């Protein structure tokens, strides 16, 4: 990893084959950050082929640099902050313990170790849990807050889609048709029916049909999804 961020072999002639081998090994890595006792390597966004990080086409050209972030004063937290998601997770859920010994084997400095466990996470979030007990109640359990939020989001998206799909037709066709019908068929001595009443009648009449249409479309989608599975089982 120490050679991972050097300039591409085409730009630098010394040690090109060795650097090319390092970059080929980096292509097989499935990690965003690599942490060792003495250094942190931020791999996300780094291209080993060009030896630099990806950037926008019109952004100012950044100088080529390595993936290595030095651990200053033995603090892994500060170095890990170069990758903000990892730094945020470490600062919120972990604690840093300092022991004796150089992290690189020199023997003169103090080596830092990041400890992450249920106990450290509980201690780090104790103040938050005490301040917001109702919110924590939603977070308890395996699903946490993600499943309720996902369900609410899907429900709201479905309602919004249905409203956008039906409101134009409802306002331009259903309400005028009901309004004209009830007022043309009224008795001569009966007061005209307000638009609000006509809209209410149109909503009551259209809701069962809209629900039936939605159920039919969902059933058709479900059958379309199951058809390949049923055909595979028959084989």
Protein backbone atom coordinates (compact mmCIF):
# COMPACT_ATOMS: atom_id res chain seq x y z
CA UNK A 1 0.00 0.00 0.00
CA UNK A 2 2.91 2.38 0.52
CA UNK A 3 3.50 2.41 -3.24
CA UNK A 4 -0.17 2.46 -4.18
CA UNK A 5 -0.45 6.18 -4.77
CA UNK A 6 2.71 6.82 -6.75
CA UNK A 7 2.59 8.26 -10.25
CA UNK A 8 1.72 5.94 -13.10
CA UNK A 9 4.69 4.04 -14.63
CA UNK A 10 4.23 5.88 -17.93
CA UNK A 11 4.88 9.17 -16.15
CA UNK A 12 7.70 7.94 -13.94
CA UNK A 13 10.21 5.52 -15.36
CA UNK A 14 11.78 4.20 -12.13
CA UNK A 15 10.22 1.04 -10.70
CA UNK A 16 7.36 1.01 -13.18
CA UNK A 17 6.92 -2.77 -13.23
CA UNK A 18 6.77 -3.00 -9.44
CA UNK A 19 4.22 -0.21 -9.23
CA UNK A 20 2.18 -1.82 -11.99
CA UNK A 21 2.09 -5.05 -9.97
CA UNK A 22 0.95 -3.13 -6.88
CA UNK A 23 -1.81 -1.47 -8.86
CA UNK A 24 -2.98 -4.80 -10.25
CA UNK A 25 -3.26 -6.11 -6.70
CA UNK A 26 -5.17 -2.99 -5.67
CA UNK A 27 -7.79 -3.65 -8.34
CA UNK A 28 -8.79 -6.78 -6.43
CA UNK A 29 -9.32 -4.92 -3.14
CA UNK A 30 -12.91 -4.52 -1.98
CA UNK A 31 -12.39 -1.82 0.62
CA UNK A 32 -12.81 1.92 0.92
CA UNK A 33 -10.27 2.36 3.71
CA UNK A 34 -7.32 0.27 4.90
CA UNK A 35 -6.19 0.88 8.50
CA UNK A 36 -2.88 -0.27 9.94
CA UNK A 37 -1.25 0.64 13.30
CA UNK A 38 0.88 3.38 11.77
CA UNK A 39 -1.07 4.70 8.78
CA UNK A 40 -4.45 4.92 7.08
CA UNK A 41 -4.98 4.44 3.34
CA UNK A 42 -8.08 5.97 1.73
CA UNK A 43 -8.79 3.80 -1.31
CA UNK A 44 -12.25 5.07 -2.23
CA UNK A 45 -12.11 7.18 -5.37
CA UNK A 46 -8.46 6.30 -6.05
CA UNK A 47 -7.53 4.87 -9.45
CA UNK A 48 -4.33 2.82 -9.38
CA UNK A 49 -4.00 3.10 -13.16
CA UNK A 50 -3.44 6.86 -13.09
CA UNK A 51 -2.06 7.01 -9.56
CA UNK A 52 -4.48 9.69 -8.33
CA UNK A 53 -8.05 10.27 -7.22
CA UNK A 54 -10.93 10.84 -9.60
CA UNK A 55 -12.10 14.44 -9.90
CA UNK A 56 -14.58 16.43 -11.93
CA UNK A 57 -13.52 17.39 -15.43
CA UNK A 58 -13.77 21.14 -14.84
CA UNK A 59 -12.42 21.07 -11.28
CA UNK A 60 -8.94 22.50 -10.56
CA UNK A 61 -6.28 19.89 -11.24
CA UNK A 62 -5.02 18.46 -7.97
CA UNK A 63 -1.42 17.33 -7.54
CA UNK A 64 -0.75 13.60 -7.58
CA UNK A 65 -0.54 12.18 -4.10
CA UNK A 66 -0.44 8.83 -2.35
CA UNK A 67 -3.31 7.09 -0.62
CA UNK A 68 -1.43 7.15 2.69
CA UNK A 69 -2.56 9.40 5.53
CA UNK A 70 0.06 9.67 8.25
CA UNK A 71 -1.02 8.97 11.83
CA UNK A 72 0.07 12.06 13.72
CA UNK A 73 0.78 11.79 17.46
CA UNK A 74 -0.40 8.18 17.42
CA UNK A 75 -4.03 9.17 16.81
CA UNK A 76 -5.85 6.92 14.36
CA UNK A 77 -9.03 8.97 14.80
CA UNK A 78 -7.46 12.02 13.21
CA UNK A 79 -6.07 10.03 10.28
CA UNK A 80 -9.32 8.14 9.72
CA UNK A 81 -11.16 11.47 9.49
CA UNK A 82 -9.69 11.76 5.97
CA UNK A 83 -12.50 9.38 5.00
CA UNK A 84 -15.49 11.06 6.59
CA UNK A 85 -17.90 8.07 6.86
CA UNK A 86 -15.25 5.95 8.59
CA UNK A 87 -14.12 8.85 10.75
CA UNK A 88 -17.71 9.57 11.81
CA UNK A 89 -18.38 5.92 12.65
CA UNK A 90 -15.16 5.62 14.65
CA UNK A 91 -15.75 8.84 16.57
CA UNK A 92 -19.33 7.89 17.42
CA UNK A 93 -19.05 4.17 18.19
CA UNK A 94 -15.44 3.47 19.12
CA UNK A 95 -12.77 4.62 21.53
CA UNK A 96 -9.02 5.03 21.15
CA UNK A 97 -6.70 3.33 23.60
CA UNK A 98 -3.05 4.34 23.81
CA UNK A 99 -0.38 1.85 24.79
CA UNK A 100 3.38 1.72 24.86
CA UNK A 101 5.54 0.92 21.85
CA UNK A 102 6.04 2.37 18.42
CA UNK A 103 3.28 1.25 16.01
CA UNK A 104 5.97 0.64 13.38
CA UNK A 105 8.24 -1.25 15.69
CA UNK A 106 10.58 1.56 16.74
CA UNK A 107 9.81 1.20 20.43
CA UNK A 108 9.98 4.88 21.30
CA UNK A 109 6.45 6.19 20.78
CA UNK A 110 3.03 5.25 22.01
CA UNK A 111 0.86 3.09 19.76
CA UNK A 112 -2.85 3.80 19.48
CA UNK A 113 -5.50 1.12 19.09
CA UNK A 114 -9.11 1.70 18.09
CA UNK A 115 -11.49 -0.52 20.06
CA UNK A 116 -15.01 -0.99 18.72
CA UNK A 117 -17.55 -3.10 20.60
CA UNK A 118 -21.08 -3.01 21.96
CA UNK A 119 -19.77 -1.55 25.20
CA UNK A 120 -17.87 1.30 23.54
CA UNK A 121 -20.83 2.07 21.27
CA UNK A 122 -23.21 2.10 24.27
CA UNK A 123 -20.86 4.41 26.19
CA UNK A 124 -20.43 6.73 23.20
CA UNK A 125 -24.18 7.02 22.60
CA UNK A 126 -25.24 7.12 26.26
CA UNK A 127 -25.79 10.90 26.26
CA UNK A 128 -27.87 10.70 23.07
CA UNK A 129 -29.96 7.83 24.44
CA UNK A 130 -30.62 9.76 27.64
CA UNK A 131 -31.58 12.95 25.80
CA UNK A 132 -33.89 11.37 23.21
CA UNK A 133 -35.49 8.25 24.78
CA UNK A 134 -38.52 8.25 22.44
CA UNK A 135 -36.35 8.27 19.35
CA UNK A 136 -34.18 5.51 20.82
CA UNK A 137 -37.30 3.39 21.34
CA UNK A 138 -37.80 3.44 17.56
CA UNK A 139 -34.18 2.42 17.01
CA UNK A 140 -34.25 -0.61 19.32
CA UNK A 141 -34.46 -4.03 17.74
CA UNK A 142 -32.99 -5.54 14.62
CA UNK A 143 -34.93 -3.43 12.06
CA UNK A 144 -34.06 -0.17 13.79
CA UNK A 145 -35.42 2.98 12.21
CA UNK A 146 -34.60 1.92 8.65
CA UNK A 147 -37.57 -0.41 8.12
CA UNK A 148 -40.25 2.02 9.43
CA UNK A 149 -38.75 4.87 7.41
CA UNK A 150 -38.56 2.72 4.28
CA UNK A 151 -42.17 1.58 4.72
CA UNK A 152 -43.37 5.15 5.30
CA UNK A 153 -41.40 6.38 2.29
CA UNK A 154 -42.82 3.68 0.02
CA UNK A 155 -46.33 4.44 1.27
CA UNK A 156 -45.98 8.18 0.73
CA UNK A 157 -44.51 7.67 -2.73
CA UNK A 158 -47.41 5.39 -3.63
CA UNK A 159 -49.97 7.90 -2.36
CA UNK A 160 -48.26 10.75 -4.20
CA UNK A 161 -48.08 8.73 -7.41
CA UNK A 162 -51.76 7.87 -7.18
CA UNK A 163 -52.73 11.48 -6.53
CA UNK A 164 -50.69 12.74 -9.47
CA UNK A 165 -52.17 10.00 -11.63
CA UNK A 166 -55.83 10.62 -10.72
CA UNK A 167 -56.18 14.31 -9.78
CA UNK A 168 -56.05 15.72 -13.33
CA UNK A 169 -58.78 13.36 -14.54
CA UNK A 170 -60.75 13.81 -11.34
CA UNK A 171 -60.68 17.62 -11.56
CA UNK A 172 -61.19 17.90 -15.32
CA UNK A 173 -63.74 15.11 -15.91
CA UNK A 174 -65.30 13.58 -12.81
CA UNK A 175 -66.17 16.72 -10.86
CA UNK A 176 -67.64 18.64 -13.85
CA UNK A 177 -69.62 15.56 -14.92
CA UNK A 178 -71.12 15.10 -11.43
CA UNK A 179 -71.80 18.82 -11.06
CA UNK A 180 -73.62 19.04 -14.39
CA UNK A 181 -75.56 15.84 -13.78
CA UNK A 182 -76.88 16.71 -10.32
CA UNK A 183 -77.79 20.25 -11.34
CA UNK A 184 -79.45 19.31 -14.64
CA UNK A 185 -81.54 16.62 -12.96
CA UNK A 186 -82.56 18.70 -9.94
CA UNK A 187 -86.12 19.86 -9.40
CA UNK A 188 -86.88 23.41 -10.44
CA UNK A 189 -87.61 24.36 -6.83
CA UNK A 190 -84.39 22.77 -5.49
CA UNK A 191 -81.34 24.93 -4.86
CA UNK A 192 -78.31 24.30 -7.12
CA UNK A 193 -75.78 21.83 -5.77
CA UNK A 194 -72.47 23.49 -4.74
CA UNK A 195 -69.23 22.45 -6.36
CA UNK A 196 -67.92 21.21 -3.00
CA UNK A 197 -70.80 18.72 -2.71
CA UNK A 198 -70.27 17.60 -6.30
CA UNK A 199 -66.56 17.03 -5.62
CA UNK A 200 -67.42 14.98 -2.51
CA UNK A 201 -69.85 12.83 -4.46
CA UNK A 202 -67.29 12.35 -7.23
CA UNK A 203 -64.64 11.31 -4.67
CA UNK A 204 -66.99 8.81 -3.02
CA UNK A 205 -67.88 7.34 -6.38
CA UNK A 206 -64.35 7.20 -7.77
CA UNK A 207 -62.50 5.84 -4.70
CA UNK A 208 -63.69 2.19 -4.96
CA UNK A 209 -62.91 2.13 -8.67
CA UNK A 210 -59.44 3.61 -8.08
CA UNK A 211 -58.69 1.04 -5.39
CA UNK A 212 -59.87 -1.76 -7.66
CA UNK A 213 -57.69 -0.45 -10.49
CA UNK A 214 -54.65 -0.26 -8.19
CA UNK A 215 -55.24 -3.80 -6.88
CA UNK A 216 -55.57 -5.10 -10.44
CA UNK A 217 -52.33 -3.42 -11.55
CA UNK A 218 -50.45 -4.75 -8.51
CA UNK A 219 -51.80 -8.25 -9.13
CA UNK A 220 -50.73 -8.10 -12.77
CA UNK A 221 -47.23 -6.95 -11.73
CA UNK A 222 -47.00 -9.74 -9.15
CA UNK A 223 -48.04 -12.38 -11.66
CA UNK A 224 -45.54 -11.02 -14.16
CA UNK A 225 -42.77 -11.33 -11.57
CA UNK A 226 -43.76 -14.87 -10.59
CA UNK A 227 -44.10 -16.15 -14.15
CA UNK A 228 -40.32 -16.63 -14.73
CA UNK A 229 -40.02 -18.46 -11.38
CA UNK A 230 -42.90 -20.80 -12.19
CA UNK A 231 -41.45 -21.47 -15.62
CA UNK A 232 -38.07 -22.27 -14.04
CA UNK A 233 -39.64 -24.75 -11.60
CA UNK A 234 -41.41 -26.56 -14.40
CA UNK A 235 -38.09 -27.16 -16.12
